[in-house]
Amino acid sequence: MFLHSRPGSPDKPNEDYVAAAAGTTTQALLLDGAGGPAELPTGCHHGTPWFVAHLGEAAMTHLRTPDTDLNLALVRAIASVTRTHRAYTCDLAHPGTPSSTAALFRLRAGHIEHLVLGDSTFVADIDGEIVTVTDRRIEAVGHNLWQRMASLPTGTPAHQSARIAFVEHQRRMRNHPRGYPIASVHDQAARDALTGSHPAGQVRRLALLSDGATRFVEFGLGTFADLLDVLDSRTPWRLFDEIRAAETSDPGGERWPRAKRHDDISVVFLPGGEIGW
């Protein structure tokens, strides 16, 4: 197994979380927290890194129960963290309450099960065919605001102002009927996640990727098959180096418009032969 998470900036805490376990139950998860610009309040005493760490720990615990499906495991994890929030009198009605994407995997009853909520990605090599699952519903929210932000040079005051307007709108649409589901304080969102399974014998290798990691494909540095090849090599950290080099080569976002110049990059990679299927 290969797990790694690299923060977007040495001056800011990493808002991603990765974990995996093998043995009686083989499972893994990746969370990509949404903290947003520092100028925007959250109503939470803890912050996004605290939220993803507690959600990840709770989800790993519930995933260990074989008869609990992935949706229910995430439902219970969200409910658990929400109770902890309330114990500290966090304002859970605040639109900026920490939230997170979720990508989960588990080996159960001879099948590889997966769950994806938000724009993290599950990718697998299944008998030579590359299968990807990404929840794109968030991209349908505030598209005009995203375009305005993308038209401005990254790192400038104008871009930051446009980003704040974009994130404020995204926050209002979290778990809204006309918005998108995301892991936050409403456990119902977990029931709206994308799920599926594949016979374990057909899965050669798989990965869970944050949207910082999928920049490798979005920037045209390679395909998802190429990405898996890098992770399956003796130098898997090359994926992180190549993404960082591309980001640095385009500081203003002219070639690759984006909300942040550098993003947290997180990966969980599981080569099939290493975990016994």
C-alpha atoms as a PDB file:
ATOM      1  CA  MET A   1       0.000   0.000   0.000  1.00  0.00           C
ATOM      2  CA  PHE A   2       1.068   3.577  -0.576  1.00  0.00           C
ATOM      3  CA  LEU A   3      -0.562   6.432   1.347  1.00  0.00           C
ATOM      4  CA  HIS A   4       0.604  10.002   1.249  1.00  0.00           C
ATOM      5  CA  SER A   5      -0.779  13.507   1.698  1.00  0.00           C
ATOM      6  CA  ARG A   6       1.185  16.638   0.852  1.00  0.00           C
ATOM      7  CA  PRO A   7      -0.105  20.068   1.985  1.00  0.00           C
ATOM      8  CA  GLY A   8      -0.565  22.785  -0.591  1.00  0.00           C
ATOM      9  CA  SER A   9       1.422  25.235   1.511  1.00  0.00           C
ATOM     10  CA  PRO A  10       3.901  24.824   4.389  1.00  0.00           C
ATOM     11  CA  ASP A  11       2.199  27.783   6.061  1.00  0.00           C
ATOM     12  CA  LYS A  12      -1.288  26.236   6.153  1.00  0.00           C
ATOM     13  CA  PRO A  13      -2.551  23.012   7.756  1.00  0.00           C
ATOM     14  CA  ASN A  14      -3.347  20.094   5.498  1.00  0.00           C
ATOM     15  CA  GLU A  15      -7.125  19.707   5.137  1.00  0.00           C
ATOM     16  CA  ASP A  16      -6.940  16.204   3.645  1.00  0.00           C
ATOM     17  CA  TYR A  17      -6.964  12.887   5.520  1.00  0.00           C
ATOM     18  CA  VAL A  18      -5.985   9.395   4.376  1.00  0.00           C
ATOM     19  CA  ALA A  19      -6.149   6.057   6.170  1.00  0.00           C
ATOM     20  CA  ALA A  20      -6.026   2.354   5.328  1.00  0.00           C
ATOM     21  CA  ALA A  21      -6.107  -0.957   7.147  1.00  0.00           C
ATOM     22  CA  ALA A  22      -5.510  -4.556   6.115  1.00  0.00           C
ATOM     23  CA  GLY A  23      -6.119  -7.830   7.864  1.00  0.00           C
ATOM     24  CA  THR A  24      -9.516  -9.141   8.873  1.00  0.00           C
ATOM     25  CA  THR A  25     -10.993  -6.213   6.956  1.00  0.00           C
ATOM     26  CA  THR A  26      -9.119  -4.442   4.146  1.00  0.00           C
ATOM     27  CA  GLN A  27     -10.350  -0.877   3.791  1.00  0.00           C
ATOM     28  CA  ALA A  28      -9.197   2.631   2.972  1.00  0.00           C
ATOM     29  CA  LEU A  29     -10.530   6.158   2.817  1.00  0.00           C
ATOM     30  CA  LEU A  30      -9.579   9.614   1.627  1.00  0.00           C
ATOM     31  CA  LEU A  31     -11.187  12.853   2.788  1.00  0.00           C
ATOM     32  CA  ASP A  32     -10.625  16.278   1.218  1.00  0.00           C
ATOM     33  CA  GLY A  33     -11.808  18.991   3.573  1.00  0.00           C
ATOM     34  CA  ALA A  34     -13.321  22.259   2.393  1.00  0.00           C
ATOM     35  CA  GLY A  35     -12.095  25.050   4.603  1.00  0.00           C
ATOM     36  CA  GLY A  36     -12.364  27.918   2.141  1.00  0.00           C
ATOM     37  CA  PRO A  37     -10.625  31.307   2.180  1.00  0.00           C
ATOM     38  CA  ALA A  38      -9.361  32.470   5.572  1.00  0.00           C
ATOM     39  CA  GLU A  39     -11.485  35.621   5.230  1.00  0.00           C
ATOM     40  CA  LEU A  40     -14.686  33.603   5.597  1.00  0.00           C
ATOM     41  CA  PRO A  41     -15.897  32.533   9.069  1.00  0.00           C
ATOM     42  CA  THR A  42     -16.950  28.938   9.759  1.00  0.00           C
ATOM     43  CA  GLY A  43     -18.935  29.034  12.997  1.00  0.00           C
ATOM     44  CA  CYS A  44     -16.778  26.115  14.193  1.00  0.00           C
ATOM     45  CA  HIS A  45     -14.342  26.208  17.113  1.00  0.00           C
ATOM     46  CA  HIS A  46     -12.258  23.372  15.671  1.00  0.00           C
ATOM     47  CA  GLY A  47     -11.510  23.931  12.001  1.00  0.00           C
ATOM     48  CA  THR A  48     -11.417  21.731   8.944  1.00  0.00           C
ATOM     49  CA  PRO A  49      -8.328  19.602   9.837  1.00  0.00           C
ATOM     50  CA  TRP A  50     -10.034  18.627  13.098  1.00  0.00           C
ATOM     51  CA  PHE A  51     -13.216  17.758  11.226  1.00  0.00           C
ATOM     52  CA  VAL A  52     -11.589  15.503   8.626  1.00  0.00           C
ATOM     53  CA  ALA A  53      -9.467  13.742  11.246  1.00  0.00           C
ATOM     54  CA  HIS A  54     -12.468  12.945  13.443  1.00  0.00           C
ATOM     55  CA  LEU A  55     -14.659  12.001  10.471  1.00  0.00           C
ATOM     56  CA  GLY A  56     -11.931   9.753   9.103  1.00  0.00           C
ATOM     57  CA  GLU A  57     -11.362   7.991  12.412  1.00  0.00           C
ATOM     58  CA  ALA A  58     -15.090   7.447  12.912  1.00  0.00           C
ATOM     59  CA  ALA A  59     -15.576   6.154   9.364  1.00  0.00           C
ATOM     60  CA  MET A  60     -12.680   3.709   9.678  1.00  0.00           C
ATOM     61  CA  THR A  61     -14.266   2.356  12.848  1.00  0.00           C
ATOM     62  CA  HIS A  62     -17.694   1.835  11.266  1.00  0.00           C
ATOM     63  CA  LEU A  63     -16.202   0.314   8.106  1.00  0.00           C
ATOM     64  CA  ARG A  64     -14.807  -2.530  10.218  1.00  0.00           C
ATOM     65  CA  THR A  65     -18.309  -3.920  10.735  1.00  0.00           C
ATOM     66  CA  PRO A  66     -18.758  -6.233   7.711  1.00  0.00           C
ATOM     67  CA  ASP A  67     -22.557  -6.117   7.622  1.00  0.00           C
ATOM     68  CA  THR A  68     -22.585  -2.283   7.576  1.00  0.00           C
ATOM     69  CA  ASP A  69     -22.678  -0.971   4.011  1.00  0.00           C
ATOM     70  CA  LEU A  70     -20.491   1.959   3.012  1.00  0.00           C
ATOM     71  CA  ASN A  71     -23.326   4.495   3.000  1.00  0.00           C
ATOM     72  CA  LEU A  72     -24.371   3.541   6.528  1.00  0.00           C
ATOM     73  CA  ALA A  73     -20.780   3.610   7.767  1.00  0.00           C
ATOM     74  CA  LEU A  74     -20.450   7.196   6.539  1.00  0.00           C
ATOM     75  CA  VAL A  75     -23.887   8.116   7.897  1.00  0.00           C
ATOM     76  CA  ARG A  76     -22.848   6.929  11.346  1.00  0.00           C
ATOM     77  CA  ALA A  77     -19.482   8.657  11.124  1.00  0.00           C
ATOM     78  CA  ILE A  78     -21.072  12.014  10.219  1.00  0.00           C
ATOM     79  CA  ALA A  79     -23.623  11.650  13.025  1.00  0.00           C
ATOM     80  CA  SER A  80     -20.844  10.898  15.504  1.00  0.00           C
ATOM     81  CA  VAL A  81     -18.788  13.965  14.579  1.00  0.00           C
ATOM     82  CA  THR A  82     -21.902  16.147  14.591  1.00  0.00           C
ATOM     83  CA  ARG A  83     -22.584  15.115  18.201  1.00  0.00           C
ATOM     84  CA  THR A  84     -19.027  16.094  19.116  1.00  0.00           C
ATOM     85  CA  HIS A  85     -19.490  19.472  17.393  1.00  0.00           C
ATOM     86  CA  ARG A  86     -22.592  20.124  19.486  1.00  0.00           C
ATOM     87  CA  ALA A  87     -20.741  19.285  22.688  1.00  0.00           C
ATOM     88  CA  TYR A  88     -18.481  22.253  21.952  1.00  0.00           C
ATOM     89  CA  THR A  89     -21.402  24.544  21.041  1.00  0.00           C
ATOM     90  CA  CYS A  90     -20.285  25.002  17.429  1.00  0.00           C
ATOM     91  CA  ASP A  91     -22.763  26.841  15.225  1.00  0.00           C
ATOM     92  CA  LEU A  92     -23.809  23.960  13.003  1.00  0.00           C
ATOM     93  CA  ALA A  93     -26.319  26.139  11.141  1.00  0.00           C
ATOM     94  CA  HIS A  94     -23.488  28.305   9.842  1.00  0.00           C
ATOM     95  CA  PRO A  95     -23.018  27.815   6.052  1.00  0.00           C
ATOM     96  CA  GLY A  96     -19.253  27.641   6.586  1.00  0.00           C
ATOM     97  CA  THR A  97     -19.352  24.663   8.944  1.00  0.00           C
ATOM     98  CA  PRO A  98     -16.484  22.383   7.837  1.00  0.00           C
ATOM     99  CA  SER A  99     -17.310  19.839   5.154  1.00  0.00           C
ATOM    100  CA  SER A 100     -15.439  17.206   3.210  1.00  0.00           C
ATOM    101  CA  THR A 101     -15.491  14.972   0.181  1.00  0.00           C
ATOM    102  CA  ALA A 102     -15.214  11.235   0.849  1.00  0.00           C
ATOM    103  CA  ALA A 103     -13.778   8.359  -1.167  1.00  0.00           C
ATOM    104  CA  LEU A 104     -13.974   4.946   0.488  1.00  0.00           C
ATOM    105  CA  PHE A 105     -12.996   1.428  -0.449  1.00  0.00           C
ATOM    106  CA  ARG A 106     -13.490  -1.954   1.242  1.00  0.00           C
ATOM    107  CA  LEU A 107     -12.873  -5.587   0.360  1.00  0.00           C
ATOM    108  CA  ARG A 108     -15.908  -7.618   1.411  1.00  0.00           C
ATOM    109  CA  ALA A 109     -17.298 -10.998   0.365  1.00  0.00           C
ATOM    110  CA  GLY A 110     -14.999 -11.248  -2.620  1.00  0.00           C
ATOM    111  CA  HIS A 111     -15.899  -7.804  -3.966  1.00  0.00           C
ATOM    112  CA  ILE A 112     -14.247  -4.390  -3.989  1.00  0.00           C
ATOM    113  CA  GLU A 113     -16.842  -1.880  -2.770  1.00  0.00           C
ATOM    114  CA  HIS A 114     -16.426   1.856  -3.270  1.00  0.00           C
ATOM    115  CA  LEU A 115     -18.181   5.072  -2.267  1.00  0.00           C
ATOM    116  CA  VAL A 116     -17.544   8.571  -3.599  1.00  0.00           C
ATOM    117  CA  LEU A 117     -19.092  11.784  -2.291  1.00  0.00           C
ATOM    118  CA  GLY A 118     -17.820  15.081  -3.652  1.00  0.00           C
ATOM    119  CA  ASP A 119     -15.077  15.606  -6.213  1.00  0.00           C
ATOM    120  CA  SER A 120     -12.569  13.067  -4.968  1.00  0.00           C
ATOM    121  CA  THR A 121     -12.013  10.072  -7.243  1.00  0.00           C
ATOM    122  CA  PHE A 122     -11.986   6.272  -7.158  1.00  0.00           C
ATOM    123  CA  VAL A 123      -9.948   4.797 -10.005  1.00  0.00           C
ATOM    124  CA  ALA A 124      -9.332   1.117 -10.663  1.00  0.00           C
ATOM    125  CA  ASP A 125      -7.685  -1.084 -13.257  1.00  0.00           C
ATOM    126  CA  ILE A 126     -10.304  -3.780 -13.828  1.00  0.00           C
ATOM    127  CA  ASP A 127      -9.020  -6.484 -16.127  1.00  0.00           C
ATOM    128  CA  GLY A 128      -7.076  -3.877 -18.073  1.00  0.00           C
ATOM    129  CA  GLU A 129      -9.893  -1.314 -18.294  1.00  0.00           C
ATOM    130  CA  ILE A 130      -9.495   1.921 -16.329  1.00  0.00           C
ATOM    131  CA  VAL A 131     -12.691   2.733 -14.413  1.00  0.00           C
ATOM    132  CA  THR A 132     -13.079   6.106 -12.668  1.00  0.00           C
ATOM    133  CA  VAL A 133     -15.821   7.373 -10.377  1.00  0.00           C
ATOM    134  CA  THR A 134     -15.997  11.070  -9.455  1.00  0.00           C
ATOM    135  CA  ASP A 135     -18.975  12.960  -8.043  1.00  0.00           C
ATOM    136  CA  ARG A 136     -19.301  16.015 -10.301  1.00  0.00           C
ATOM    137  CA  ARG A 137     -22.498  17.452  -8.818  1.00  0.00           C
ATOM    138  CA  ILE A 138     -20.569  20.225  -7.105  1.00  0.00           C
ATOM    139  CA  GLU A 139     -19.467  21.518 -10.533  1.00  0.00           C
ATOM    140  CA  ALA A 140     -23.056  22.408 -11.448  1.00  0.00           C
ATOM    141  CA  VAL A 141     -23.162  24.984  -8.643  1.00  0.00           C
ATOM    142  CA  GLY A 142     -22.113  28.584  -9.313  1.00  0.00           C
ATOM    143  CA  HIS A 143     -20.574  27.910 -12.708  1.00  0.00           C
ATOM    144  CA  ASN A 144     -20.765  31.599 -13.710  1.00  0.00           C
ATOM    145  CA  LEU A 145     -18.969  32.585 -10.514  1.00  0.00           C
ATOM    146  CA  TRP A 146     -16.282  29.989 -11.183  1.00  0.00           C
ATOM    147  CA  GLN A 147     -15.767  31.341 -14.712  1.00  0.00           C
ATOM    148  CA  ARG A 148     -15.349  34.879 -13.397  1.00  0.00           C
ATOM    149  CA  MET A 149     -12.766  33.662 -10.866  1.00  0.00           C
ATOM    150  CA  ALA A 150     -10.978  31.567 -13.511  1.00  0.00           C
ATOM    151  CA  SER A 151     -10.645  34.584 -15.807  1.00  0.00           C
ATOM    152  CA  LEU A 152      -8.494  36.390 -13.236  1.00  0.00           C
ATOM    153  CA  PRO A 153      -4.820  35.763 -12.383  1.00  0.00           C
ATOM    154  CA  THR A 154      -4.413  33.430  -9.415  1.00  0.00           C
ATOM    155  CA  GLY A 155      -2.927  35.118  -6.364  1.00  0.00           C
ATOM    156  CA  THR A 156      -4.231  38.600  -7.171  1.00  0.00           C
ATOM    157  CA  PRO A 157      -6.677  40.518  -4.941  1.00  0.00           C
ATOM    158  CA  ALA A 158      -9.270  40.402  -7.734  1.00  0.00           C
ATOM    159  CA  HIS A 159      -8.996  36.623  -8.013  1.00  0.00           C
ATOM    160  CA  GLN A 160      -9.260  36.238  -4.243  1.00  0.00           C
ATOM    161  CA  SER A 161     -12.363  38.443  -4.154  1.00  0.00           C
ATOM    162  CA  ALA A 162     -13.966  36.363  -6.901  1.00  0.00           C
ATOM    163  CA  ARG A 163     -12.992  33.164  -5.096  1.00  0.00           C
ATOM    164  CA  ILE A 164     -14.670  34.367  -1.910  1.00  0.00           C
ATOM    165  CA  ALA A 165     -17.894  35.066  -3.826  1.00  0.00           C
ATOM    166  CA  PHE A 166     -17.689  31.622  -5.440  1.00  0.00           C
ATOM    167  CA  VAL A 167     -17.090  29.800  -2.135  1.00  0.00           C
ATOM    168  CA  GLU A 168     -19.852  31.729  -0.374  1.00  0.00           C
ATOM    169  CA  HIS A 169     -22.294  30.504  -3.020  1.00  0.00           C
ATOM    170  CA  GLN A 170     -20.967  26.949  -2.774  1.00  0.00           C
ATOM    171  CA  ARG A 171     -21.463  27.035   0.978  1.00  0.00           C
ATOM    172  CA  ARG A 172     -25.092  28.091   0.628  1.00  0.00           C
ATOM    173  CA  MET A 173     -25.716  25.169  -1.735  1.00  0.00           C
ATOM    174  CA  ARG A 174     -24.187  22.441   0.432  1.00  0.00           C
ATOM    175  CA  ASN A 175     -26.770  19.704   1.032  1.00  0.00           C
ATOM    176  CA  HIS A 176     -29.408  21.941  -0.511  1.00  0.00           C
ATOM    177  CA  PRO A 177     -32.146  20.390  -2.721  1.00  0.00           C
ATOM    178  CA  ARG A 178     -30.835  22.400  -5.694  1.00  0.00           C
ATOM    179  CA  GLY A 179     -27.217  22.045  -4.663  1.00  0.00           C
ATOM    180  CA  TYR A 180     -24.920  19.120  -4.002  1.00  0.00           C
ATOM    181  CA  PRO A 181     -24.452  16.545  -1.224  1.00  0.00           C
ATOM    182  CA  ILE A 182     -21.282  16.660   0.857  1.00  0.00           C
ATOM    183  CA  ALA A 183     -20.130  15.255   4.209  1.00  0.00           C
ATOM    184  CA  SER A 184     -20.747  17.904   6.857  1.00  0.00           C
ATOM    185  CA  VAL A 185     -23.351  17.851   9.634  1.00  0.00           C
ATOM    186  CA  HIS A 186     -26.264  16.265   7.732  1.00  0.00           C
ATOM    187  CA  ASP A 187     -25.786  12.510   7.656  1.00  0.00           C
ATOM    188  CA  GLN A 188     -28.427  12.122   4.934  1.00  0.00           C
ATOM    189  CA  ALA A 189     -25.789  13.306   2.440  1.00  0.00           C
ATOM    190  CA  ALA A 190     -24.001   9.970   2.813  1.00  0.00           C
ATOM    191  CA  ARG A 191     -27.046   8.170   1.408  1.00  0.00           C
ATOM    192  CA  ASP A 192     -26.720  10.233  -1.775  1.00  0.00           C
ATOM    193  CA  ALA A 193     -23.132   9.125  -2.418  1.00  0.00           C
ATOM    194  CA  LEU A 194     -22.089   7.223  -5.549  1.00  0.00           C
ATOM    195  CA  THR A 195     -21.445   3.554  -4.788  1.00  0.00           C
ATOM    196  CA  GLY A 196     -20.572   0.380  -6.637  1.00  0.00           C
ATOM    197  CA  SER A 197     -18.648  -2.883  -6.456  1.00  0.00           C
ATOM    198  CA  HIS A 198     -16.491  -5.106  -8.627  1.00  0.00           C
ATOM    199  CA  PRO A 199     -15.403  -8.751  -8.251  1.00  0.00           C
ATOM    200  CA  ALA A 200     -12.102  -8.617  -6.403  1.00  0.00           C
ATOM    201  CA  GLY A 201     -10.478 -11.049  -8.791  1.00  0.00           C
ATOM    202  CA  GLN A 202     -10.895  -8.566 -11.639  1.00  0.00           C
ATOM    203  CA  VAL A 203      -9.281  -5.638  -9.845  1.00  0.00           C
ATOM    204  CA  ARG A 204      -5.580  -5.364 -10.607  1.00  0.00           C
ATOM    205  CA  ARG A 205      -4.946  -2.131  -8.694  1.00  0.00           C
ATOM    206  CA  LEU A 206      -6.885   0.870  -7.436  1.00  0.00           C
ATOM    207  CA  ALA A 207      -6.460   4.321  -5.966  1.00  0.00           C
ATOM    208  CA  LEU A 208      -8.361   6.999  -4.093  1.00  0.00           C
ATOM    209  CA  LEU A 209      -7.417  10.518  -5.198  1.00  0.00           C
ATOM    210  CA  SER A 210      -8.096  14.046  -3.973  1.00  0.00           C
ATOM    211  CA  ASP A 211      -8.811  16.695  -6.592  1.00  0.00           C
ATOM    212  CA  GLY A 212      -5.294  17.941  -5.948  1.00  0.00           C
ATOM    213  CA  ALA A 213      -4.013  14.566  -7.193  1.00  0.00           C
ATOM    214  CA  THR A 214      -6.291  14.442 -10.237  1.00  0.00           C
ATOM    215  CA  ARG A 215      -4.650  17.664 -11.429  1.00  0.00           C
ATOM    216  CA  PHE A 216      -2.152  15.222 -12.968  1.00  0.00           C
ATOM    217  CA  VAL A 217      -4.848  14.274 -15.486  1.00  0.00           C
ATOM    218  CA  GLU A 218      -6.585  17.665 -15.656  1.00  0.00           C
ATOM    219  CA  PHE A 219      -3.274  19.388 -16.472  1.00  0.00           C
ATOM    220  CA  GLY A 220      -2.579  16.886 -19.237  1.00  0.00           C
ATOM    221  CA  LEU A 221       0.481  15.397 -17.514  1.00  0.00           C
ATOM    222  CA  GLY A 222      -0.860  11.920 -18.252  1.00  0.00           C
ATOM    223  CA  THR A 223      -3.908   9.665 -18.234  1.00  0.00           C
ATOM    224  CA  PHE A 224      -5.398   7.849 -15.265  1.00  0.00           C
ATOM    225  CA  ALA A 225      -3.572   4.740 -16.510  1.00  0.00           C
ATOM    226  CA  ASP A 226      -0.323   6.738 -16.434  1.00  0.00           C
ATOM    227  CA  LEU A 227      -1.164   7.959 -12.941  1.00  0.00           C
ATOM    228  CA  LEU A 228      -1.618   4.378 -11.712  1.00  0.00           C
ATOM    229  CA  ASP A 229       1.668   3.419 -13.366  1.00  0.00           C
ATOM    230  CA  VAL A 230       3.495   6.150 -11.450  1.00  0.00           C
ATOM    231  CA  LEU A 231       1.938   5.048  -8.160  1.00  0.00           C
ATOM    232  CA  ASP A 232       2.797   1.436  -8.981  1.00  0.00           C
ATOM    233  CA  SER A 233       6.451   2.310  -9.573  1.00  0.00           C
ATOM    234  CA  ARG A 234       9.371   2.515  -7.142  1.00  0.00           C
ATOM    235  CA  THR A 235       9.015   6.314  -7.069  1.00  0.00           C
ATOM    236  CA  PRO A 236       5.309   7.000  -6.416  1.00  0.00           C
ATOM    237  CA  TRP A 237       6.121  10.406  -4.939  1.00  0.00           C
ATOM    238  CA  ARG A 238       6.973  11.508  -8.490  1.00  0.00           C
ATOM    239  CA  LEU A 239       3.241  12.099  -8.971  1.00  0.00           C
ATOM    240  CA  PHE A 240       3.325  14.806  -6.290  1.00  0.00           C
ATOM    241  CA  ASP A 241       6.517  16.352  -7.664  1.00  0.00           C
ATOM    242  CA  GLU A 242       5.154  16.565 -11.213  1.00  0.00           C
ATOM    243  CA  ILE A 243       1.910  18.214 -10.088  1.00  0.00           C
ATOM    244  CA  ARG A 244       3.796  20.736  -7.955  1.00  0.00           C
ATOM    245  CA  ALA A 245       6.144  21.524 -10.825  1.00  0.00           C
ATOM    246  CA  ALA A 246       3.196  22.123 -13.162  1.00  0.00           C
ATOM    247  CA  GLU A 247       1.462  24.386 -10.635  1.00  0.00           C
ATOM    248  CA  THR A 248       4.663  26.369 -10.102  1.00  0.00           C
ATOM    249  CA  SER A 249       5.141  26.781 -13.864  1.00  0.00           C
ATOM    250  CA  ASP A 250       1.704  28.420 -14.114  1.00  0.00           C
ATOM    251  CA  PRO A 251       1.488  30.686 -11.031  1.00  0.00           C
ATOM    252  CA  GLY A 252      -1.228  32.929 -12.458  1.00  0.00           C
ATOM    253  CA  GLY A 253      -3.492  30.103 -13.588  1.00  0.00           C
ATOM    254  CA  GLU A 254      -3.363  31.214 -17.225  1.00  0.00           C
ATOM    255  CA  ARG A 255      -2.836  27.708 -18.593  1.00  0.00           C
ATOM    256  CA  TRP A 256      -4.794  25.873 -15.910  1.00  0.00           C
ATOM    257  CA  PRO A 257      -7.392  28.174 -14.275  1.00  0.00           C
ATOM    258  CA  ARG A 258      -8.071  27.120 -10.697  1.00  0.00           C
ATOM    259  CA  ALA A 259      -9.232  28.354  -7.316  1.00  0.00           C
ATOM    260  CA  LYS A 260      -5.881  27.842  -5.591  1.00  0.00           C
ATOM    261  CA  ARG A 261      -2.371  28.011  -6.991  1.00  0.00           C
ATOM    262  CA  HIS A 262      -1.376  24.926  -4.958  1.00  0.00           C
ATOM    263  CA  ASP A 263      -3.768  22.385  -3.480  1.00  0.00           C
ATOM    264  CA  ASP A 264      -3.337  19.625  -0.920  1.00  0.00           C
ATOM    265  CA  ILE A 265      -2.501  16.388  -2.768  1.00  0.00           C
ATOM    266  CA  SER A 266      -3.591  13.058  -1.299  1.00  0.00           C
ATOM    267  CA  VAL A 267      -3.458   9.478  -2.540  1.00  0.00           C
ATOM    268  CA  VAL A 268      -4.246   5.993  -1.324  1.00  0.00           C
ATOM    269  CA  PHE A 269      -2.906   3.325  -3.691  1.00  0.00           C
ATOM    270  CA  LEU A 270      -3.469  -0.403  -3.352  1.00  0.00           C
ATOM    271  CA  PRO A 271      -1.755  -2.782  -5.776  1.00  0.00           C
ATOM    272  CA  GLY A 272      -3.861  -5.909  -6.106  1.00  0.00           C
ATOM    273  CA  GLY A 273      -1.132  -8.410  -5.365  1.00  0.00           C
ATOM    274  CA  GLU A 274      -0.280  -6.740  -2.077  1.00  0.00           C
ATOM    275  CA  ILE A 275      -3.625  -7.140  -0.370  1.00  0.00           C
ATOM    276  CA  GLY A 276      -4.529 -10.684  -1.264  1.00  0.00           C
ATOM    277  CA  TRP A 277      -7.118 -10.643  -3.997  1.00  0.00           C
END
